[in-house]
N, C-alpha and C. Protein backbone atom coordinates (compact mmCIF):
# COMPACT_ATOMS: atom_id res chain seq x y z
N MET A 1 -85.69 145.97 23.55
CA MET A 1 -86.67 146.07 22.49
C MET A 1 -86.52 144.92 21.50
N ARG A 2 -85.28 144.60 21.14
CA ARG A 2 -85.01 143.51 20.19
C ARG A 2 -85.50 142.18 20.75
N GLY A 3 -85.34 141.96 22.04
CA GLY A 3 -85.80 140.74 22.70
C GLY A 3 -87.31 140.56 22.58
N ARG A 4 -88.05 141.66 22.69
CA ARG A 4 -89.51 141.60 22.57
C ARG A 4 -89.93 141.23 21.14
N LYS A 5 -89.22 141.75 20.16
CA LYS A 5 -89.53 141.43 18.76
C LYS A 5 -89.29 139.94 18.49
N ILE A 6 -88.19 139.44 19.01
CA ILE A 6 -87.89 138.01 18.84
C ILE A 6 -88.96 137.18 19.52
N LEU A 7 -89.34 137.56 20.71
CA LEU A 7 -90.39 136.83 21.45
C LEU A 7 -91.72 136.87 20.69
N LEU A 8 -92.06 138.00 20.10
CA LEU A 8 -93.28 138.14 19.31
C LEU A 8 -93.24 137.23 18.08
N VAL A 9 -92.13 137.20 17.40
CA VAL A 9 -91.98 136.33 16.22
C VAL A 9 -92.11 134.86 16.62
N VAL A 10 -91.46 134.47 17.70
CA VAL A 10 -91.56 133.09 18.19
C VAL A 10 -93.02 132.76 18.52
N PHE A 11 -93.70 133.66 19.20
CA PHE A 11 -95.11 133.44 19.55
C PHE A 11 -95.96 133.26 18.29
N ILE A 12 -95.75 134.10 17.29
CA ILE A 12 -96.54 134.01 16.06
C ILE A 12 -96.26 132.69 15.34
N VAL A 13 -95.02 132.28 15.28
CA VAL A 13 -94.67 131.02 14.62
C VAL A 13 -95.31 129.84 15.36
N VAL A 14 -95.19 129.81 16.68
CA VAL A 14 -95.78 128.73 17.48
C VAL A 14 -97.30 128.71 17.30
N PHE A 15 -97.92 129.87 17.32
CA PHE A 15 -99.38 129.95 17.13
C PHE A 15 -99.77 129.44 15.75
N ALA A 16 -99.02 129.83 14.72
CA ALA A 16 -99.34 129.39 13.35
C ALA A 16 -99.20 127.88 13.21
N VAL A 17 -98.15 127.32 13.76
CA VAL A 17 -97.95 125.86 13.69
C VAL A 17 -99.08 125.15 14.43
N ALA A 18 -99.44 125.62 15.61
CA ALA A 18 -100.53 125.02 16.38
C ALA A 18 -101.85 125.11 15.62
N ALA A 19 -102.12 126.23 14.98
CA ALA A 19 -103.36 126.40 14.23
C ALA A 19 -103.41 125.45 13.04
N ILE A 20 -102.30 125.31 12.33
CA ILE A 20 -102.26 124.38 11.19
C ILE A 20 -102.50 122.95 11.69
N TYR A 21 -101.83 122.57 12.77
CA TYR A 21 -102.01 121.23 13.35
C TYR A 21 -103.47 121.00 13.74
N ALA A 22 -104.06 121.96 14.37
CA ALA A 22 -105.44 121.80 14.87
C ALA A 22 -106.47 121.75 13.76
N TRP A 23 -106.28 122.54 12.72
CA TRP A 23 -107.34 122.67 11.72
C TRP A 23 -107.01 122.07 10.36
N TYR A 24 -105.90 121.36 10.27
CA TYR A 24 -105.58 120.70 9.01
C TYR A 24 -106.68 119.68 8.72
N PRO A 25 -107.24 119.66 7.52
CA PRO A 25 -108.39 118.79 7.25
C PRO A 25 -108.08 117.31 7.43
N TYR A 26 -109.04 116.59 7.98
CA TYR A 26 -108.93 115.15 8.17
C TYR A 26 -109.22 114.45 6.84
N SER A 27 -108.46 113.43 6.53
CA SER A 27 -108.64 112.67 5.29
C SER A 27 -109.32 111.33 5.61
N PRO A 28 -110.62 111.19 5.31
CA PRO A 28 -111.34 109.96 5.68
C PRO A 28 -110.98 108.78 4.79
N MET A 29 -111.38 107.60 5.25
CA MET A 29 -111.20 106.39 4.46
C MET A 29 -112.08 106.44 3.22
N PRO A 30 -111.69 105.72 2.18
CA PRO A 30 -112.52 105.70 0.96
C PRO A 30 -113.91 105.11 1.24
N ALA A 31 -114.91 105.61 0.54
CA ALA A 31 -116.28 105.09 0.65
C ALA A 31 -116.25 103.60 0.33
N GLY A 32 -117.05 102.83 1.04
CA GLY A 32 -117.14 101.40 0.80
C GLY A 32 -116.13 100.57 1.56
N THR A 33 -115.20 101.21 2.25
CA THR A 33 -114.21 100.48 3.05
C THR A 33 -114.93 99.73 4.16
N GLN A 34 -114.58 98.47 4.37
CA GLN A 34 -115.16 97.68 5.46
C GLN A 34 -114.02 97.13 6.32
N ILE A 35 -113.78 97.75 7.44
CA ILE A 35 -112.70 97.34 8.34
C ILE A 35 -113.03 95.96 8.89
N ASP A 36 -112.06 95.03 8.80
CA ASP A 36 -112.28 93.68 9.32
C ASP A 36 -111.30 93.28 10.41
N LYS A 37 -110.38 94.18 10.77
CA LYS A 37 -109.48 93.94 11.90
C LYS A 37 -108.91 95.27 12.37
N LEU A 38 -108.83 95.42 13.69
CA LEU A 38 -108.20 96.58 14.30
C LEU A 38 -107.04 96.09 15.16
N VAL A 39 -105.94 96.84 15.13
CA VAL A 39 -104.79 96.53 15.98
C VAL A 39 -104.39 97.83 16.68
N VAL A 40 -104.27 97.76 18.00
CA VAL A 40 -103.81 98.91 18.78
C VAL A 40 -102.39 98.62 19.24
N GLN A 41 -101.49 99.53 18.94
CA GLN A 41 -100.12 99.46 19.43
C GLN A 41 -99.97 100.54 20.49
N LYS A 42 -100.15 100.13 21.75
CA LYS A 42 -100.16 101.10 22.84
C LYS A 42 -98.86 101.89 22.92
N SER A 43 -97.73 101.22 22.81
CA SER A 43 -96.44 101.89 22.96
C SER A 43 -96.20 102.94 21.87
N GLN A 44 -96.82 102.74 20.72
CA GLN A 44 -96.67 103.70 19.63
C GLN A 44 -97.86 104.65 19.52
N ARG A 45 -98.85 104.49 20.41
CA ARG A 45 -100.05 105.33 20.42
C ARG A 45 -100.71 105.35 19.04
N GLN A 46 -100.95 104.12 18.49
CA GLN A 46 -101.57 104.00 17.18
C GLN A 46 -102.66 102.95 17.18
N LEU A 47 -103.72 103.22 16.43
CA LEU A 47 -104.76 102.25 16.11
C LEU A 47 -104.67 102.03 14.60
N LEU A 48 -104.47 100.77 14.20
CA LEU A 48 -104.33 100.42 12.80
C LEU A 48 -105.62 99.74 12.34
N ALA A 49 -106.16 100.18 11.22
CA ALA A 49 -107.40 99.63 10.68
C ALA A 49 -107.09 98.88 9.38
N TYR A 50 -107.55 97.62 9.31
CA TYR A 50 -107.26 96.76 8.17
C TYR A 50 -108.53 96.34 7.44
N GLU A 51 -108.39 96.17 6.12
CA GLU A 51 -109.44 95.59 5.29
C GLU A 51 -108.77 94.52 4.44
N LYS A 52 -109.23 93.27 4.59
CA LYS A 52 -108.70 92.14 3.82
C LYS A 52 -107.17 92.04 3.93
N GLY A 53 -106.66 92.24 5.14
CA GLY A 53 -105.22 92.11 5.38
C GLY A 53 -104.39 93.31 4.98
N LYS A 54 -105.01 94.32 4.41
CA LYS A 54 -104.29 95.51 3.97
C LYS A 54 -104.55 96.67 4.93
N LEU A 55 -103.47 97.32 5.36
CA LEU A 55 -103.60 98.49 6.24
C LEU A 55 -104.27 99.62 5.46
N VAL A 56 -105.40 100.08 5.99
CA VAL A 56 -106.18 101.13 5.33
C VAL A 56 -105.93 102.49 5.97
N LYS A 57 -105.81 102.51 7.30
CA LYS A 57 -105.70 103.79 8.00
C LYS A 57 -104.96 103.58 9.32
N THR A 58 -104.14 104.55 9.67
CA THR A 58 -103.47 104.58 10.97
C THR A 58 -103.97 105.81 11.72
N PHE A 59 -104.47 105.58 12.92
CA PHE A 59 -105.00 106.67 13.75
C PHE A 59 -104.08 106.90 14.95
N PRO A 60 -103.62 108.12 15.19
CA PRO A 60 -102.94 108.43 16.45
C PRO A 60 -103.98 108.40 17.57
N ILE A 61 -103.62 107.90 18.74
CA ILE A 61 -104.58 107.73 19.83
C ILE A 61 -104.04 108.25 21.16
N SER A 62 -104.96 108.42 22.09
CA SER A 62 -104.63 108.61 23.50
C SER A 62 -105.16 107.39 24.23
N LEU A 63 -104.54 107.09 25.37
CA LEU A 63 -104.90 105.90 26.15
C LEU A 63 -105.31 106.28 27.56
N GLY A 64 -105.41 105.25 28.40
CA GLY A 64 -105.68 105.47 29.81
C GLY A 64 -104.53 106.24 30.47
N ARG A 65 -104.82 106.91 31.57
CA ARG A 65 -103.83 107.75 32.25
C ARG A 65 -102.62 106.97 32.75
N ASN A 66 -102.76 105.66 32.88
CA ASN A 66 -101.69 104.80 33.36
C ASN A 66 -101.41 103.78 32.25
N PRO A 67 -100.75 104.20 31.16
CA PRO A 67 -100.74 103.41 29.92
C PRO A 67 -99.82 102.18 29.91
N ILE A 68 -98.88 102.09 30.83
CA ILE A 68 -97.93 100.98 30.80
C ILE A 68 -98.54 99.75 31.46
N GLY A 69 -98.51 98.62 30.73
CA GLY A 69 -99.04 97.36 31.26
C GLY A 69 -100.51 97.18 30.94
N ALA A 70 -100.95 95.94 31.11
CA ALA A 70 -102.34 95.58 30.80
C ALA A 70 -103.27 95.94 31.95
N LYS A 71 -104.51 96.25 31.62
CA LYS A 71 -105.53 96.50 32.62
C LYS A 71 -105.67 95.27 33.49
N GLU A 72 -105.70 95.45 34.81
CA GLU A 72 -105.84 94.33 35.73
C GLU A 72 -107.13 94.38 36.53
N PHE A 73 -107.63 95.58 36.79
CA PHE A 73 -108.85 95.70 37.59
C PHE A 73 -109.48 97.07 37.36
N GLU A 74 -110.74 97.16 37.74
CA GLU A 74 -111.48 98.41 37.60
C GLU A 74 -110.79 99.53 38.38
N GLY A 75 -110.61 100.66 37.71
CA GLY A 75 -110.04 101.82 38.37
C GLY A 75 -108.54 101.96 38.25
N ASP A 76 -107.85 101.02 37.59
CA ASP A 76 -106.39 101.13 37.49
C ASP A 76 -105.94 102.09 36.38
N LYS A 77 -106.89 102.61 35.61
CA LYS A 77 -106.65 103.60 34.55
C LYS A 77 -105.73 103.08 33.45
N LYS A 78 -105.72 101.76 33.26
CA LYS A 78 -104.92 101.16 32.20
C LYS A 78 -105.83 100.72 31.06
N THR A 79 -105.28 100.76 29.87
CA THR A 79 -105.97 100.24 28.69
C THR A 79 -105.66 98.76 28.61
N PRO A 80 -106.67 97.91 28.36
CA PRO A 80 -106.42 96.46 28.32
C PRO A 80 -105.43 96.08 27.23
N GLU A 81 -104.91 94.87 27.34
CA GLU A 81 -104.10 94.25 26.30
C GLU A 81 -104.66 92.86 26.06
N GLY A 82 -104.72 92.45 24.82
CA GLY A 82 -105.24 91.13 24.49
C GLY A 82 -106.09 91.18 23.24
N THR A 83 -106.82 90.07 23.03
CA THR A 83 -107.67 89.94 21.85
C THR A 83 -109.13 90.09 22.26
N TYR A 84 -109.81 90.99 21.61
CA TYR A 84 -111.21 91.30 21.90
C TYR A 84 -111.96 91.44 20.58
N PHE A 85 -113.18 91.95 20.64
CA PHE A 85 -113.93 92.28 19.43
C PHE A 85 -114.78 93.51 19.71
N ILE A 86 -115.23 94.16 18.64
CA ILE A 86 -116.12 95.31 18.80
C ILE A 86 -117.48 94.75 19.19
N SER A 87 -117.93 95.10 20.37
CA SER A 87 -119.14 94.50 20.95
C SER A 87 -120.39 95.37 20.80
N ALA A 88 -120.22 96.65 20.48
CA ALA A 88 -121.38 97.54 20.37
C ALA A 88 -120.98 98.82 19.64
N LYS A 89 -122.00 99.51 19.14
CA LYS A 89 -121.81 100.83 18.53
C LYS A 89 -122.82 101.78 19.18
N ASN A 90 -122.35 102.93 19.63
CA ASN A 90 -123.23 103.89 20.28
C ASN A 90 -123.10 105.25 19.59
N PRO A 91 -124.14 105.64 18.84
CA PRO A 91 -124.08 106.94 18.15
C PRO A 91 -124.41 108.11 19.07
N ASN A 92 -124.86 107.83 20.30
CA ASN A 92 -125.29 108.88 21.23
C ASN A 92 -124.47 108.87 22.52
N SER A 93 -123.20 108.63 22.40
CA SER A 93 -122.31 108.54 23.54
C SER A 93 -122.09 109.90 24.19
N GLY A 94 -121.69 109.90 25.43
CA GLY A 94 -121.26 111.12 26.10
C GLY A 94 -119.93 111.61 25.56
N TYR A 95 -119.31 110.80 24.71
CA TYR A 95 -118.04 111.12 24.07
C TYR A 95 -118.20 111.06 22.56
N HIS A 96 -119.15 111.80 22.04
CA HIS A 96 -119.50 111.93 20.63
C HIS A 96 -120.11 110.63 20.09
N LYS A 97 -119.28 109.62 19.81
CA LYS A 97 -119.72 108.28 19.40
C LYS A 97 -118.73 107.31 20.00
N ASN A 98 -119.12 106.03 20.07
CA ASN A 98 -118.12 105.07 20.52
C ASN A 98 -118.35 103.69 19.94
N LEU A 99 -117.28 102.92 19.95
CA LEU A 99 -117.29 101.50 19.61
C LEU A 99 -116.92 100.76 20.89
N GLY A 100 -117.79 99.85 21.33
CA GLY A 100 -117.52 99.08 22.54
C GLY A 100 -116.49 98.00 22.29
N VAL A 101 -115.62 97.78 23.26
CA VAL A 101 -114.61 96.71 23.22
C VAL A 101 -115.05 95.64 24.21
N SER A 102 -114.95 94.37 23.82
CA SER A 102 -115.51 93.26 24.61
C SER A 102 -114.74 92.92 25.88
N TYR A 103 -113.96 93.83 26.41
CA TYR A 103 -113.31 93.66 27.71
C TYR A 103 -114.37 93.61 28.80
N PRO A 104 -114.29 92.74 29.78
CA PRO A 104 -113.24 91.78 30.07
C PRO A 104 -113.48 90.42 29.42
N ASN A 105 -112.39 89.74 29.04
CA ASN A 105 -112.50 88.36 28.58
C ASN A 105 -112.26 87.44 29.79
N GLN A 106 -112.26 86.14 29.57
CA GLN A 106 -112.12 85.19 30.68
C GLN A 106 -110.79 85.37 31.41
N GLN A 107 -109.72 85.60 30.67
CA GLN A 107 -108.40 85.83 31.28
C GLN A 107 -108.43 87.05 32.20
N ASN A 108 -109.07 88.12 31.72
CA ASN A 108 -109.15 89.35 32.52
C ASN A 108 -109.93 89.12 33.80
N LEU A 109 -111.03 88.36 33.70
CA LEU A 109 -111.85 88.06 34.89
C LEU A 109 -111.06 87.25 35.90
N GLU A 110 -110.31 86.27 35.42
CA GLU A 110 -109.51 85.43 36.33
C GLU A 110 -108.41 86.24 37.02
N ARG A 111 -107.74 87.13 36.27
CA ARG A 111 -106.68 87.96 36.85
C ARG A 111 -107.24 88.88 37.92
N ALA A 112 -108.34 89.53 37.65
CA ALA A 112 -108.95 90.42 38.64
C ALA A 112 -109.38 89.64 39.88
N LYS A 113 -109.90 88.44 39.67
CA LYS A 113 -110.31 87.61 40.80
C LYS A 113 -109.11 87.27 41.68
N GLN A 114 -107.97 86.96 41.05
CA GLN A 114 -106.74 86.68 41.81
C GLN A 114 -106.34 87.87 42.67
N LEU A 115 -106.59 89.05 42.17
CA LEU A 115 -106.24 90.28 42.90
C LEU A 115 -107.32 90.68 43.90
N GLY A 116 -108.47 89.96 43.87
CA GLY A 116 -109.56 90.28 44.78
C GLY A 116 -110.27 91.58 44.43
N LYS A 117 -110.28 91.93 43.15
CA LYS A 117 -110.89 93.18 42.71
C LYS A 117 -111.81 92.91 41.54
N PRO A 118 -112.75 93.82 41.26
CA PRO A 118 -113.58 93.67 40.06
C PRO A 118 -112.77 93.99 38.81
N ALA A 119 -113.07 93.29 37.72
CA ALA A 119 -112.34 93.48 36.46
C ALA A 119 -112.67 94.81 35.81
N GLY A 120 -113.86 95.32 36.06
CA GLY A 120 -114.29 96.53 35.39
C GLY A 120 -114.85 96.21 34.01
N GLY A 121 -115.01 97.19 33.22
CA GLY A 121 -115.58 97.01 31.88
C GLY A 121 -115.78 98.37 31.25
N ASP A 122 -116.69 98.44 30.31
CA ASP A 122 -117.04 99.70 29.67
C ASP A 122 -115.85 100.34 28.95
N ILE A 123 -115.01 99.50 28.35
CA ILE A 123 -113.87 100.00 27.57
C ILE A 123 -114.38 100.32 26.16
N LYS A 124 -114.04 101.48 25.69
CA LYS A 124 -114.54 101.97 24.40
C LYS A 124 -113.42 102.56 23.56
N ILE A 125 -113.68 102.63 22.27
CA ILE A 125 -112.93 103.51 21.37
C ILE A 125 -113.87 104.69 21.20
N HIS A 126 -113.47 105.85 21.66
CA HIS A 126 -114.38 107.00 21.64
C HIS A 126 -113.64 108.27 21.27
N ALA A 127 -114.40 109.34 21.17
CA ALA A 127 -113.84 110.65 20.84
C ALA A 127 -113.79 111.51 22.09
N LEU A 128 -113.91 112.78 21.89
CA LEU A 128 -113.86 113.73 22.99
C LEU A 128 -115.23 113.86 23.66
N ARG A 129 -115.20 114.23 24.93
CA ARG A 129 -116.45 114.44 25.66
C ARG A 129 -117.30 115.44 24.88
N ASN A 130 -118.60 115.21 24.86
CA ASN A 130 -119.50 116.12 24.14
C ASN A 130 -119.23 117.57 24.55
N TYR A 131 -119.31 118.45 23.60
CA TYR A 131 -119.11 119.90 23.74
C TYR A 131 -117.64 120.28 23.94
N THR A 132 -116.71 119.32 23.79
CA THR A 132 -115.28 119.65 23.88
C THR A 132 -114.54 119.29 22.59
N GLY A 133 -115.28 119.07 21.52
CA GLY A 133 -114.68 118.69 20.25
C GLY A 133 -113.68 119.70 19.72
N PHE A 134 -113.78 120.94 20.17
CA PHE A 134 -112.86 121.98 19.72
C PHE A 134 -111.41 121.65 20.10
N ILE A 135 -111.21 120.77 21.06
CA ILE A 135 -109.85 120.38 21.47
C ILE A 135 -109.16 119.64 20.33
N GLY A 136 -109.95 118.89 19.56
CA GLY A 136 -109.45 118.21 18.37
C GLY A 136 -108.20 117.40 18.60
N ARG A 137 -107.23 117.60 17.73
CA ARG A 137 -105.99 116.81 17.77
C ARG A 137 -105.15 117.06 19.02
N PHE A 138 -105.40 118.14 19.73
CA PHE A 138 -104.62 118.43 20.94
C PHE A 138 -104.90 117.41 22.04
N GLN A 139 -105.98 116.63 21.93
CA GLN A 139 -106.25 115.60 22.93
C GLN A 139 -105.15 114.55 22.94
N ARG A 140 -104.37 114.48 21.87
CA ARG A 140 -103.28 113.50 21.77
C ARG A 140 -102.05 113.89 22.57
N CYS A 141 -102.05 115.06 23.15
CA CYS A 141 -100.86 115.54 23.87
C CYS A 141 -100.57 114.74 25.14
N TYR A 142 -101.56 114.06 25.67
CA TYR A 142 -101.34 113.23 26.86
C TYR A 142 -102.40 112.15 26.92
N ASP A 143 -102.13 111.12 27.71
CA ASP A 143 -103.08 110.03 27.92
C ASP A 143 -104.07 110.48 29.00
N TRP A 144 -105.34 110.55 28.64
CA TRP A 144 -106.33 111.19 29.52
C TRP A 144 -107.53 110.33 29.86
N THR A 145 -107.70 109.17 29.22
CA THR A 145 -108.91 108.39 29.48
C THR A 145 -108.76 107.56 30.75
N LEU A 146 -109.81 106.88 31.12
CA LEU A 146 -109.76 105.99 32.29
C LEU A 146 -109.42 104.55 31.89
N GLY A 147 -109.01 104.36 30.63
CA GLY A 147 -108.65 103.04 30.13
C GLY A 147 -109.12 102.82 28.69
N CYS A 148 -109.82 103.79 28.17
CA CYS A 148 -110.34 103.69 26.80
C CYS A 148 -109.28 104.12 25.79
N ILE A 149 -109.66 104.05 24.53
CA ILE A 149 -108.82 104.46 23.40
C ILE A 149 -109.50 105.67 22.77
N ALA A 150 -108.81 106.80 22.73
CA ALA A 150 -109.44 108.05 22.29
C ALA A 150 -108.93 108.52 20.93
N LEU A 151 -109.87 109.00 20.13
CA LEU A 151 -109.62 109.60 18.82
C LEU A 151 -110.25 110.99 18.81
N THR A 152 -110.09 111.71 17.72
CA THR A 152 -110.83 112.96 17.55
C THR A 152 -112.25 112.63 17.09
N ASN A 153 -113.13 113.60 17.12
CA ASN A 153 -114.50 113.38 16.66
C ASN A 153 -114.55 112.96 15.20
N ALA A 154 -113.78 113.62 14.34
CA ALA A 154 -113.77 113.25 12.92
C ALA A 154 -113.25 111.83 12.72
N GLU A 155 -112.26 111.44 13.48
CA GLU A 155 -111.69 110.10 13.35
C GLU A 155 -112.68 109.03 13.81
N ILE A 156 -113.38 109.25 14.93
CA ILE A 156 -114.34 108.24 15.37
C ILE A 156 -115.51 108.18 14.40
N ASP A 157 -115.92 109.30 13.83
CA ASP A 157 -116.98 109.27 12.81
C ASP A 157 -116.58 108.34 11.67
N ASP A 158 -115.36 108.47 11.21
CA ASP A 158 -114.84 107.66 10.10
C ASP A 158 -114.75 106.18 10.50
N LEU A 159 -114.12 105.90 11.61
CA LEU A 159 -113.96 104.51 12.05
C LEU A 159 -115.32 103.87 12.33
N TYR A 160 -116.20 104.60 12.96
CA TYR A 160 -117.56 104.12 13.29
C TYR A 160 -118.31 103.72 12.01
N ALA A 161 -118.19 104.53 10.96
CA ALA A 161 -118.91 104.28 9.71
C ALA A 161 -118.40 103.04 8.98
N HIS A 162 -117.17 102.65 9.22
CA HIS A 162 -116.56 101.57 8.45
C HIS A 162 -116.28 100.30 9.26
N THR A 163 -116.72 100.25 10.53
CA THR A 163 -116.42 99.12 11.40
C THR A 163 -117.71 98.52 11.94
N ALA A 164 -117.85 97.21 11.78
CA ALA A 164 -119.06 96.51 12.23
C ALA A 164 -118.85 95.89 13.61
N VAL A 165 -119.97 95.68 14.31
CA VAL A 165 -119.95 94.89 15.54
C VAL A 165 -119.42 93.51 15.17
N GLY A 166 -118.54 92.98 16.00
CA GLY A 166 -117.93 91.67 15.75
C GLY A 166 -116.53 91.76 15.19
N THR A 167 -116.10 92.95 14.77
CA THR A 167 -114.75 93.12 14.23
C THR A 167 -113.72 92.83 15.33
N PRO A 168 -112.72 91.98 15.05
CA PRO A 168 -111.70 91.71 16.06
C PRO A 168 -110.81 92.93 16.29
N ILE A 169 -110.38 93.08 17.55
CA ILE A 169 -109.43 94.14 17.92
C ILE A 169 -108.36 93.51 18.80
N ILE A 170 -107.13 93.66 18.38
CA ILE A 170 -105.98 93.14 19.12
C ILE A 170 -105.28 94.35 19.72
N ILE A 171 -105.13 94.34 21.05
CA ILE A 171 -104.49 95.45 21.74
C ILE A 171 -103.15 94.96 22.26
N LEU A 172 -102.09 95.54 21.71
CA LEU A 172 -100.71 95.14 22.03
C LEU A 172 -100.07 96.14 22.96
N PRO A 173 -99.05 95.69 23.72
CA PRO A 173 -98.34 96.63 24.62
C PRO A 173 -97.72 97.79 23.84
């Protein structure tokens, strides 16, 4: 009987912690912020947003299912590494909203050609697939994309509102 009570208490504590994590309010960037550089640190699972050289916001991220190393070809499930720029904004994405990343660059095209494979493309900073936003912060529990950089819906709303097409993005190992 005592074992069941302990198990019940543990379950309640774990559930409470998970609920707080999932529903703790998101703190958006200040109004008027204009992001002028993004840096992704893949090994630390972070996207850093800068304005005039000052770090404004750090976003925890998920990456491609095969996160170690740079993207080499279409279908390798890796997130690219290198210097790119935000090439497009899509408010009607299948993943809530997205910011396009200018992958592939010339280096990426040459590397894929050496391997005899297509470089691929369509790399985005996006949120959760439409109608799955309830997953929220739990999407960070594992790397699940096909090579993109994933945020929560609230986070992509914030980043989308403050980032212009043409903003540089540096993706580091």
